Protein backbone atom coordinates (compact mmCIF):
# COMPACT_ATOMS: atom_id res chain seq x y z
CA UNK A 1 27.71 -81.41 -40.58
CA UNK A 2 28.36 -77.39 -40.85
CA UNK A 3 26.84 -74.85 -38.44
CA UNK A 4 24.66 -73.63 -41.23
CA UNK A 5 23.17 -77.05 -41.59
CA UNK A 6 22.65 -77.37 -38.09
CA UNK A 7 20.99 -74.20 -37.79
CA UNK A 8 18.59 -74.85 -40.64
CA UNK A 9 17.43 -78.09 -38.58
CA UNK A 10 17.10 -76.10 -35.28
CA UNK A 11 13.66 -76.28 -33.90
CA UNK A 12 14.00 -73.90 -31.02
CA UNK A 13 16.04 -71.16 -29.57
CA UNK A 14 17.70 -73.64 -27.27
CA UNK A 15 18.99 -75.59 -30.30
CA UNK A 16 20.42 -72.32 -31.78
CA UNK A 17 22.27 -71.62 -28.48
CA UNK A 18 23.75 -75.07 -28.14
CA UNK A 19 24.75 -75.15 -31.90
CA UNK A 20 26.93 -72.10 -31.46
CA UNK A 21 28.17 -73.07 -28.19
CA UNK A 22 29.43 -76.29 -29.80
CA UNK A 23 30.66 -74.46 -33.00
CA UNK A 24 32.48 -71.83 -30.87
CA UNK A 25 33.94 -74.62 -28.59
CA UNK A 26 32.90 -72.66 -25.60
CA UNK A 27 33.92 -74.40 -22.42
CA UNK A 28 33.01 -71.98 -19.59
CA UNK A 29 29.54 -70.40 -20.39
CA UNK A 30 26.26 -69.77 -18.81
CA UNK A 31 22.69 -69.71 -20.24
CA UNK A 32 20.59 -67.28 -18.50
CA UNK A 33 18.42 -64.14 -19.26
CA UNK A 34 21.32 -63.50 -21.62
CA UNK A 35 21.33 -66.35 -23.90
CA UNK A 36 24.83 -67.32 -23.63
CA UNK A 37 27.44 -65.56 -21.39
CA UNK A 38 30.89 -65.80 -21.25
CA UNK A 39 33.70 -63.63 -19.89
CA UNK A 40 34.57 -62.22 -23.20
CA UNK A 41 31.06 -62.12 -25.05
CA UNK A 42 27.31 -62.27 -24.43
CA UNK A 43 25.07 -63.74 -27.24
CA UNK A 44 21.30 -63.06 -27.76
CA UNK A 45 20.22 -65.71 -30.06
CA UNK A 46 16.74 -66.26 -31.91
CA UNK A 47 15.46 -69.06 -33.86
CA UNK A 48 13.67 -67.74 -37.01
CA UNK A 49 13.06 -64.61 -35.16
CA UNK A 50 10.51 -62.20 -36.44
CA UNK A 51 12.35 -59.46 -34.53
CA UNK A 52 14.84 -57.43 -36.33
CA UNK A 53 18.55 -57.39 -35.34
CA UNK A 54 17.74 -53.85 -33.79
CA UNK A 55 15.10 -55.37 -31.47
CA UNK A 56 17.42 -58.28 -30.47
CA UNK A 57 20.26 -55.84 -29.93
CA UNK A 58 17.99 -53.59 -27.71
CA UNK A 59 16.90 -56.48 -25.71
CA UNK A 60 20.65 -57.12 -25.14
CA UNK A 61 21.39 -53.58 -24.25
CA UNK A 62 18.69 -53.97 -21.75
CA UNK A 63 20.44 -56.78 -20.04
CA UNK A 64 23.74 -54.78 -20.02
CA UNK A 65 22.06 -51.87 -18.44
CA UNK A 66 20.60 -54.08 -15.77
CA UNK A 67 24.02 -55.75 -15.03
CA UNK A 68 25.64 -52.08 -14.83
CA UNK A 69 22.93 -50.76 -12.39
CA UNK A 70 23.63 -53.93 -10.28
CA UNK A 71 27.44 -53.35 -10.54
CA UNK A 72 27.85 -56.75 -12.28
CA UNK A 73 30.53 -57.46 -15.02
CA UNK A 74 29.80 -56.73 -18.50
CA UNK A 75 32.19 -58.15 -21.22
CA UNK A 76 33.85 -56.26 -24.04
CA UNK A 77 31.88 -58.01 -26.74
CA UNK A 78 28.11 -58.46 -27.36
CA UNK A 79 26.58 -60.44 -30.22
CA UNK A 80 23.16 -60.96 -31.57
CA UNK A 81 22.42 -64.13 -33.81
CA UNK A 82 19.18 -65.41 -35.61
């Protein structure tokens, strides 16, 4: 089954996260305030989001600012997914 087909059947944001983790073959990741975190990229994911991609990216940027304020690592790539 393709990622597109799996996402069409997703019924929650957790289903979306898990689909991307599996499709990308992520081994070392965390699911926290930032939906999916690796050393290389942070993903903010929504399922049938009523928010615009701008609103989702703004949410992700809030997490980046919070990490920077606390002196935590921020990866070189950021992504939002609906």
